[in-house]
PDB file of N, CA and C in Angstrom:
ATOM      1  N   UNK A   1       0.788  -1.129  -0.012  1.00  0.00           N
ATOM      2  CA  UNK A   1       0.014  -0.106   0.003  1.00  0.00           C
ATOM      3  C   UNK A   1       1.001   1.129  -0.062  1.00  0.00           C
ATOM      4  N   UNK A   2       0.597   2.340  -0.706  1.00  0.00           N
ATOM      5  CA  UNK A   2       1.074   3.578  -0.922  1.00  0.00           C
ATOM      6  C   UNK A   2       0.579   4.544  -0.074  1.00  0.00           C
ATOM      7  N   UNK A   3       1.347   5.236   0.938  1.00  0.00           N
ATOM      8  CA  UNK A   3       0.857   6.380   1.854  1.00  0.00           C
ATOM      9  C   UNK A   3       1.678   7.385   1.515  1.00  0.00           C
ATOM     10  N   UNK A   4       0.900   8.667   1.707  1.00  0.00           N
ATOM     11  CA  UNK A   4       1.440  10.017   1.579  1.00  0.00           C
ATOM     12  C   UNK A   4       1.860  10.391   2.972  1.00  0.00           C
ATOM     13  N   UNK A   5       3.096  10.977   3.276  1.00  0.00           N
ATOM     14  CA  UNK A   5       3.397  11.709   4.493  1.00  0.00           C
ATOM     15  C   UNK A   5       3.959  12.913   4.220  1.00  0.00           C
ATOM     16  N   UNK A   6       3.166  13.849   4.885  1.00  0.00           N
ATOM     17  CA  UNK A   6       3.451  15.306   4.795  1.00  0.00           C
ATOM     18  C   UNK A   6       4.167  15.781   5.910  1.00  0.00           C
ATOM     19  N   UNK A   7       5.288  16.252   5.684  1.00  0.00           N
ATOM     20  CA  UNK A   7       6.421  16.552   6.858  1.00  0.00           C
ATOM     21  C   UNK A   7       6.394  17.975   6.898  1.00  0.00           C
ATOM     22  N   UNK A   8       5.853  18.830   7.889  1.00  0.00           N
ATOM     23  CA  UNK A   8       6.129  20.334   8.033  1.00  0.00           C
ATOM     24  C   UNK A   8       7.182  20.480   9.161  1.00  0.00           C
ATOM     25  N   UNK A   9       8.178  21.136   8.605  1.00  0.00           N
ATOM     26  CA  UNK A   9       9.529  21.511   9.440  1.00  0.00           C
ATOM     27  C   UNK A   9       9.372  22.853   9.598  1.00  0.00           C
ATOM     28  N   UNK A  10       9.491  23.262  10.790  1.00  0.00           N
ATOM     29  CA  UNK A  10       9.439  24.992  11.345  1.00  0.00           C
ATOM     30  C   UNK A  10      10.556  25.043  12.324  1.00  0.00           C
ATOM     31  N   UNK A  11      11.130  26.318  12.143  1.00  0.00           N
ATOM     32  CA  UNK A  11      12.135  26.779  13.226  1.00  0.00           C
ATOM     33  C   UNK A  11      11.282  26.524  14.674  1.00  0.00           C
ATOM     34  N   UNK A  12      12.095  26.429  15.600  1.00  0.00           N
ATOM     35  CA  UNK A  12      11.548  26.220  17.053  1.00  0.00           C
ATOM     36  C   UNK A  12      11.003  27.746  17.338  1.00  0.00           C
ATOM     37  N   UNK A  13      10.182  27.723  18.227  1.00  0.00           N
ATOM     38  CA  UNK A  13       9.587  28.979  18.477  1.00  0.00           C
ATOM     39  C   UNK A  13      10.532  30.038  19.162  1.00  0.00           C
ATOM     40  N   UNK A  14      11.389  29.502  20.153  1.00  0.00           N
ATOM     41  CA  UNK A  14      12.177  30.293  20.669  1.00  0.00           C
ATOM     42  C   UNK A  14      13.408  30.703  19.951  1.00  0.00           C
ATOM     43  N   UNK A  15      13.575  30.467  18.572  1.00  0.00           N
ATOM     44  CA  UNK A  15      14.862  30.735  18.019  1.00  0.00           C
ATOM     45  C   UNK A  15      14.601  31.854  17.049  1.00  0.00           C
ATOM     46  N   UNK A  16      15.599  32.561  16.667  1.00  0.00           N
ATOM     47  CA  UNK A  16      15.212  33.725  15.712  1.00  0.00           C
ATOM     48  C   UNK A  16      15.385  33.167  14.293  1.00  0.00           C
ATOM     49  N   UNK A  17      14.345  33.638  13.540  1.00  0.00           N
ATOM     50  CA  UNK A  17      14.351  33.193  12.098  1.00  0.00           C
ATOM     51  C   UNK A  17      14.637  34.126  11.049  1.00  0.00           C
ATOM     52  N   UNK A  18      15.830  34.096  10.843  1.00  0.00           N
ATOM     53  CA  UNK A  18      16.436  35.316   9.931  1.00  0.00           C
ATOM     54  C   UNK A  18      15.618  35.425   8.623  1.00  0.00           C
ATOM     55  N   UNK A  19      15.148  34.362   7.797  1.00  0.00           N
ATOM     56  CA  UNK A  19      14.325  34.335   6.734  1.00  0.00           C
ATOM     57  C   UNK A  19      13.008  35.008   6.873  1.00  0.00           C
ATOM     58  N   UNK A  20      12.570  34.802   8.099  1.00  0.00           N
ATOM     59  CA  UNK A  20      11.106  35.245   8.455  1.00  0.00           C
ATOM     60  C   UNK A  20      11.202  36.712   8.730  1.00  0.00           C
ATOM     61  N   UNK A  21      12.341  37.243   9.557  1.00  0.00           N
ATOM     62  CA  UNK A  21      12.359  38.563   9.720  1.00  0.00           C
ATOM     63  C   UNK A  21      12.715  39.205   8.409  1.00  0.00           C
ATOM     64  N   UNK A  22      13.344  38.879   7.503  1.00  0.00           N
ATOM     65  CA  UNK A  22      13.729  39.446   6.282  1.00  0.00           C
ATOM     66  C   UNK A  22      12.328  39.591   5.496  1.00  0.00           C
ATOM     67  N   UNK A  23      11.640  38.670   5.454  1.00  0.00           N
ATOM     68  CA  UNK A  23      10.196  38.672   4.572  1.00  0.00           C
ATOM     69  C   UNK A  23       9.424  39.916   5.431  1.00  0.00           C
ATOM     70  N   UNK A  24       9.266  39.717   6.695  1.00  0.00           N
ATOM     71  CA  UNK A  24       8.604  40.780   7.303  1.00  0.00           C
ATOM     72  C   UNK A  24       8.723  42.121   7.309  1.00  0.00           C
ATOM     73  N   UNK A  25      10.439  42.347   7.230  1.00  0.00           N
ATOM     74  CA  UNK A  25      10.865  43.680   6.488  1.00  0.00           C
ATOM     75  C   UNK A  25      10.344  43.985   5.282  1.00  0.00           C
ATOM     76  N   UNK A  26      10.455  42.936   4.267  1.00  0.00           N
ATOM     77  CA  UNK A  26       9.928  43.245   2.867  1.00  0.00           C
ATOM     78  C   UNK A  26       8.670  43.476   2.889  1.00  0.00           C
ATOM     79  N   UNK A  27       7.662  42.900   3.647  1.00  0.00           N
ATOM     80  CA  UNK A  27       6.215  43.125   3.619  1.00  0.00           C
ATOM     81  C   UNK A  27       5.964  44.638   3.926  1.00  0.00           C
ATOM     82  N   UNK A  28       6.706  45.038   5.150  1.00  0.00           N
ATOM     83  CA  UNK A  28       6.745  46.406   5.426  1.00  0.00           C
ATOM     84  C   UNK A  28       7.047  47.447   4.398  1.00  0.00           C
ATOM     85  N   UNK A  29       8.198  47.094   3.760  1.00  0.00           N
ATOM     86  CA  UNK A  29       8.676  48.080   2.839  1.00  0.00           C
ATOM     87  C   UNK A  29       7.773  48.111   1.633  1.00  0.00           C
ATOM     88  N   UNK A  30       7.026  46.906   1.466  1.00  0.00           N
ATOM     89  CA  UNK A  30       5.984  46.880   0.232  1.00  0.00           C
ATOM     90  C   UNK A  30       4.533  47.867   0.695  1.00  0.00           C
ATOM     91  N   UNK A  31       4.220  47.974   1.958  1.00  0.00           N
ATOM     92  CA  UNK A  31       3.292  48.918   2.671  1.00  0.00           C
ATOM     93  C   UNK A  31       2.380  47.706   3.035  1.00  0.00           C
ATOM     94  N   UNK A  32       2.721  46.535   3.107  1.00  0.00           N
ATOM     95  CA  UNK A  32       1.585  45.444   3.689  1.00  0.00           C
ATOM     96  C   UNK A  32       1.692  45.434   5.209  1.00  0.00           C
ATOM     97  N   UNK A  33       0.673  46.082   5.662  1.00  0.00           N
ATOM     98  CA  UNK A  33       0.561  46.080   7.194  1.00  0.00           C
ATOM     99  C   UNK A  33      -0.022  45.228   7.991  1.00  0.00           C
ATOM    100  N   UNK A  34      -0.209  45.087   9.187  1.00  0.00           N
ATOM    101  CA  UNK A  34      -0.716  44.279  10.095  1.00  0.00           C
ATOM    102  C   UNK A  34      -0.135  42.815  10.280  1.00  0.00           C
ATOM    103  N   UNK A  35       0.914  42.689   9.678  1.00  0.00           N
ATOM    104  CA  UNK A  35       1.729  41.350   9.816  1.00  0.00           C
ATOM    105  C   UNK A  35       2.736  41.454  10.996  1.00  0.00           C
ATOM    106  N   UNK A  36       2.497  40.824  12.054  1.00  0.00           N
ATOM    107  CA  UNK A  36       3.338  40.819  13.352  1.00  0.00           C
ATOM    108  C   UNK A  36       4.442  39.973  13.171  1.00  0.00           C
ATOM    109  N   UNK A  37       4.483  38.833  12.537  1.00  0.00           N
ATOM    110  CA  UNK A  37       5.581  37.771  12.622  1.00  0.00           C
ATOM    111  C   UNK A  37       5.542  37.148  11.384  1.00  0.00           C
ATOM    112  N   UNK A  38       6.683  36.428  10.905  1.00  0.00           N
ATOM    113  CA  UNK A  38       6.653  35.412   9.968  1.00  0.00           C
ATOM    114  C   UNK A  38       7.605  34.484  10.180  1.00  0.00           C
ATOM    115  N   UNK A  39       7.153  33.161   9.997  1.00  0.00           N
ATOM    116  CA  UNK A  39       8.171  32.369  10.374  1.00  0.00           C
ATOM    117  C   UNK A  39       8.299  31.602   8.946  1.00  0.00           C
ATOM    118  N   UNK A  40       9.530  31.047   8.444  1.00  0.00           N
ATOM    119  CA  UNK A  40       9.794  30.330   6.922  1.00  0.00           C
ATOM    120  C   UNK A  40      10.074  28.702   7.422  1.00  0.00           C
ATOM    121  N   UNK A  41       9.404  27.898   6.896  1.00  0.00           N
ATOM    122  CA  UNK A  41       9.473  26.531   7.095  1.00  0.00           C
ATOM    123  C   UNK A  41       9.617  25.841   5.763  1.00  0.00           C
ATOM    124  N   UNK A  42       9.533  24.648   5.943  1.00  0.00           N
ATOM    125  CA  UNK A  42       9.516  23.656   4.621  1.00  0.00           C
ATOM    126  C   UNK A  42       8.522  22.478   4.953  1.00  0.00           C
ATOM    127  N   UNK A  43       7.887  22.165   3.624  1.00  0.00           N
ATOM    128  CA  UNK A  43       6.907  21.060   3.683  1.00  0.00           C
ATOM    129  C   UNK A  43       7.746  19.831   2.678  1.00  0.00           C
ATOM    130  N   UNK A  44       7.757  18.833   3.240  1.00  0.00           N
ATOM    131  CA  UNK A  44       8.421  17.727   2.401  1.00  0.00           C
ATOM    132  C   UNK A  44       7.198  16.623   2.386  1.00  0.00           C
ATOM    133  N   UNK A  45       6.991  16.091   1.104  1.00  0.00           N
ATOM    134  CA  UNK A  45       6.113  15.010   0.887  1.00  0.00           C
ATOM    135  C   UNK A  45       6.920  13.798   0.559  1.00  0.00           C
ATOM    136  N   UNK A  46       6.532  12.741   1.164  1.00  0.00           N
ATOM    137  CA  UNK A  46       6.973  11.469   0.751  1.00  0.00           C
ATOM    138  C   UNK A  46       5.946  10.304   0.384  1.00  0.00           C
ATOM    139  N   UNK A  47       6.136   9.640  -0.517  1.00  0.00           N
ATOM    140  CA  UNK A  47       5.384   8.660  -0.759  1.00  0.00           C
ATOM    141  C   UNK A  47       6.094   7.438  -0.593  1.00  0.00           C
ATOM    142  N   UNK A  48       5.365   6.830   0.492  1.00  0.00           N
ATOM    143  CA  UNK A  48       6.101   5.473   1.415  1.00  0.00           C
ATOM    144  C   UNK A  48       5.132   4.292   1.003  1.00  0.00           C
ATOM    145  N   UNK A  49       5.906   3.358   0.794  1.00  0.00           N
ATOM    146  CA  UNK A  49       5.103   1.926   0.560  1.00  0.00           C
ATOM    147  C   UNK A  49       5.532   1.278   1.864  1.00  0.00           C
ATOM    148  N   UNK A  50       4.187   0.952   2.328  1.00  0.00           N
ATOM    149  CA  UNK A  50       4.144   0.037   3.722  1.00  0.00           C
ATOM    150  C   UNK A  50       3.010  -0.689   3.894  1.00  0.00           C
ATOM    151  N   UNK A  51       3.128  -1.705   4.585  1.00  0.00           N
ATOM    152  CA  UNK A  51       2.015  -2.583   4.877  1.00  0.00           C
ATOM    153  C   UNK A  51       0.943  -1.937   5.750  1.00  0.00           C
ATOM    154  N   UNK A  52       1.069  -0.830   6.558  1.00  0.00           N
ATOM    155  CA  UNK A  52      -0.013  -0.126   7.352  1.00  0.00           C
ATOM    156  C   UNK A  52       0.228   1.239   7.496  1.00  0.00           C
ATOM    157  N   UNK A  53      -0.791   1.931   8.245  1.00  0.00           N
ATOM    158  CA  UNK A  53       0.016   3.512   8.457  1.00  0.00           C
ATOM    159  C   UNK A  53       0.885   3.562   9.367  1.00  0.00           C
ATOM    160  N   UNK A  54       0.795   2.811  10.266  1.00  0.00           N
ATOM    161  CA  UNK A  54       1.764   2.811  11.521  1.00  0.00           C
ATOM    162  C   UNK A  54       3.077   2.676  11.061  1.00  0.00           C
ATOM    163  N   UNK A  55       3.316   1.770  10.155  1.00  0.00           N
ATOM    164  CA  UNK A  55       4.755   1.468   9.560  1.00  0.00           C
ATOM    165  C   UNK A  55       5.080   2.479   8.794  1.00  0.00           C
ATOM    166  N   UNK A  56       4.352   3.075   7.908  1.00  0.00           N
ATOM    167  CA  UNK A  56       4.383   4.344   7.106  1.00  0.00           C
ATOM    168  C   UNK A  56       5.026   5.510   7.980  1.00  0.00           C
ATOM    169  N   UNK A  57       4.137   5.794   9.134  1.00  0.00           N
ATOM    170  CA  UNK A  57       4.415   6.784  10.019  1.00  0.00           C
ATOM    171  C   UNK A  57       5.958   6.632  10.697  1.00  0.00           C
ATOM    172  N   UNK A  58       6.143   5.408  11.175  1.00  0.00           N
ATOM    173  CA  UNK A  58       7.633   5.157  11.583  1.00  0.00           C
ATOM    174  C   UNK A  58       8.608   5.416  10.585  1.00  0.00           C
ATOM    175  N   UNK A  59       8.491   5.245   9.281  1.00  0.00           N
ATOM    176  CA  UNK A  59       9.442   5.417   8.317  1.00  0.00           C
ATOM    177  C   UNK A  59       9.561   6.894   8.118  1.00  0.00           C
ATOM    178  N   UNK A  60       8.478   7.581   8.104  1.00  0.00           N
ATOM    179  CA  UNK A  60       8.513   8.973   7.946  1.00  0.00           C
ATOM    180  C   UNK A  60       9.151   9.667   9.152  1.00  0.00           C
ATOM    181  N   UNK A  61       8.948   9.208  10.398  1.00  0.00           N
ATOM    182  CA  UNK A  61       9.413   9.697  11.579  1.00  0.00           C
ATOM    183  C   UNK A  61      11.021   9.543  11.356  1.00  0.00           C
ATOM    184  N   UNK A  62      11.324   8.476  11.229  1.00  0.00           N
ATOM    185  CA  UNK A  62      12.931   8.092  10.943  1.00  0.00           C
ATOM    186  C   UNK A  62      13.619   9.171   9.995  1.00  0.00           C
ATOM    187  N   UNK A  63      12.698   9.259   8.727  1.00  0.00           N
ATOM    188  CA  UNK A  63      13.449  10.046   7.763  1.00  0.00           C
ATOM    189  C   UNK A  63      13.569  11.566   8.361  1.00  0.00           C
ATOM    190  N   UNK A  64      12.676  12.095   9.202  1.00  0.00           N
ATOM    191  CA  UNK A  64      12.331  13.272   9.640  1.00  0.00           C
ATOM    192  C   UNK A  64      13.509  13.598  10.755  1.00  0.00           C
ATOM    193  N   UNK A  65      13.669  12.418  11.605  1.00  0.00           N
ATOM    194  CA  UNK A  65      15.101  12.655  12.785  1.00  0.00           C
ATOM    195  C   UNK A  65      16.305  12.356  12.173  1.00  0.00           C
ATOM    196  N   UNK A  66      16.476  11.516  11.150  1.00  0.00           N
ATOM    197  CA  UNK A  66      17.780  11.404  10.702  1.00  0.00           C
ATOM    198  C   UNK A  66      18.349  12.308   9.580  1.00  0.00           C
ATOM    199  N   UNK A  67      17.022  13.065   8.924  1.00  0.00           N
ATOM    200  CA  UNK A  67      17.603  13.748   7.502  1.00  0.00           C
ATOM    201  C   UNK A  67      16.811  15.093   7.185  1.00  0.00           C
ATOM    202  N   UNK A  68      15.594  15.100   7.580  1.00  0.00           N
ATOM    203  CA  UNK A  68      14.701  16.242   6.997  1.00  0.00           C
ATOM    204  C   UNK A  68      14.623  17.289   8.185  1.00  0.00           C
ATOM    205  N   UNK A  69      14.786  17.132   9.702  1.00  0.00           N
ATOM    206  CA  UNK A  69      14.761  18.310  10.357  1.00  0.00           C
ATOM    207  C   UNK A  69      16.119  18.109  11.261  1.00  0.00           C
ATOM    208  N   UNK A  70      16.553  19.218  11.483  1.00  0.00           N
ATOM    209  CA  UNK A  70      17.597  19.521  12.615  1.00  0.00           C
ATOM    210  C   UNK A  70      16.941  19.647  13.884  1.00  0.00           C
ATOM    211  N   UNK A  71      16.799  18.868  14.763  1.00  0.00           N
ATOM    212  CA  UNK A  71      16.100  18.933  16.050  1.00  0.00           C
ATOM    213  C   UNK A  71      16.467  19.846  16.916  1.00  0.00           C
ATOM    214  N   UNK A  72      17.988  20.133  16.785  1.00  0.00           N
ATOM    215  CA  UNK A  72      18.370  21.198  17.714  1.00  0.00           C
ATOM    216  C   UNK A  72      17.635  22.701  17.505  1.00  0.00           C
ATOM    217  N   UNK A  73      17.342  22.877  16.123  1.00  0.00           N
ATOM    218  CA  UNK A  73      16.790  24.253  15.740  1.00  0.00           C
ATOM    219  C   UNK A  73      15.326  24.111  15.183  1.00  0.00           C
ATOM    220  N   UNK A  74      14.830  22.794  14.877  1.00  0.00           N
ATOM    221  CA  UNK A  74      13.605  22.647  14.270  1.00  0.00           C
ATOM    222  C   UNK A  74      12.683  21.663  14.784  1.00  0.00           C
ATOM    223  N   UNK A  75      11.410  21.955  14.701  1.00  0.00           N
ATOM    224  CA  UNK A  75      10.344  20.881  15.081  1.00  0.00           C
ATOM    225  C   UNK A  75       9.795  20.476  13.868  1.00  0.00           C
ATOM    226  N   UNK A  76       9.149  19.334  13.894  1.00  0.00           N
ATOM    227  CA  UNK A  76       8.487  18.825  12.671  1.00  0.00           C
ATOM    228  C   UNK A  76       7.102  18.273  13.155  1.00  0.00           C
ATOM    229  N   UNK A  77       6.079  18.046  12.262  1.00  0.00           N
ATOM    230  CA  UNK A  77       4.750  17.694  12.393  1.00  0.00           C
ATOM    231  C   UNK A  77       4.555  16.477  11.034  1.00  0.00           C
ATOM    232  N   UNK A  78       3.939  15.493  11.449  1.00  0.00           N
ATOM    233  CA  UNK A  78       3.819  14.439  10.270  1.00  0.00           C
ATOM    234  C   UNK A  78       2.444  14.046  10.095  1.00  0.00           C
ATOM    235  N   UNK A  79       1.847  13.963   9.028  1.00  0.00           N
ATOM    236  CA  UNK A  79       0.397  13.779   8.724  1.00  0.00           C
ATOM    237  C   UNK A  79       0.371  12.815   7.588  1.00  0.00           C
ATOM    238  N   UNK A  80      -0.041  11.586   7.794  1.00  0.00           N
ATOM    239  CA  UNK A  80      -0.258  10.470   6.838  1.00  0.00           C
ATOM    240  C   UNK A  80      -1.628  10.212   6.529  1.00  0.00           C
ATOM    241  N   UNK A  81      -1.180  10.157   5.205  1.00  0.00           N
ATOM    242  CA  UNK A  81      -2.896  10.073   4.325  1.00  0.00           C
ATOM    243  C   UNK A  81      -2.677   8.770   3.359  1.00  0.00           C
TER     244      UNK A  81
END
């Protein structure tokens, strides 16, 4: 069975996000007001072949921990469908 794992990786809340700050400044320069904060992350989609959803989630979790997210600076969330 093929499962789709969507992994959303974002900087930890208590860490500075330089990309987000740059975008926030750019929005202000464009006259776009009312935006208080910007956080930039990434979304990764994996097509996983597995016998069941639990196994697919385990594979996605392993990929996120070992390669896709730097757990010192980032958090991640996984959705399997």
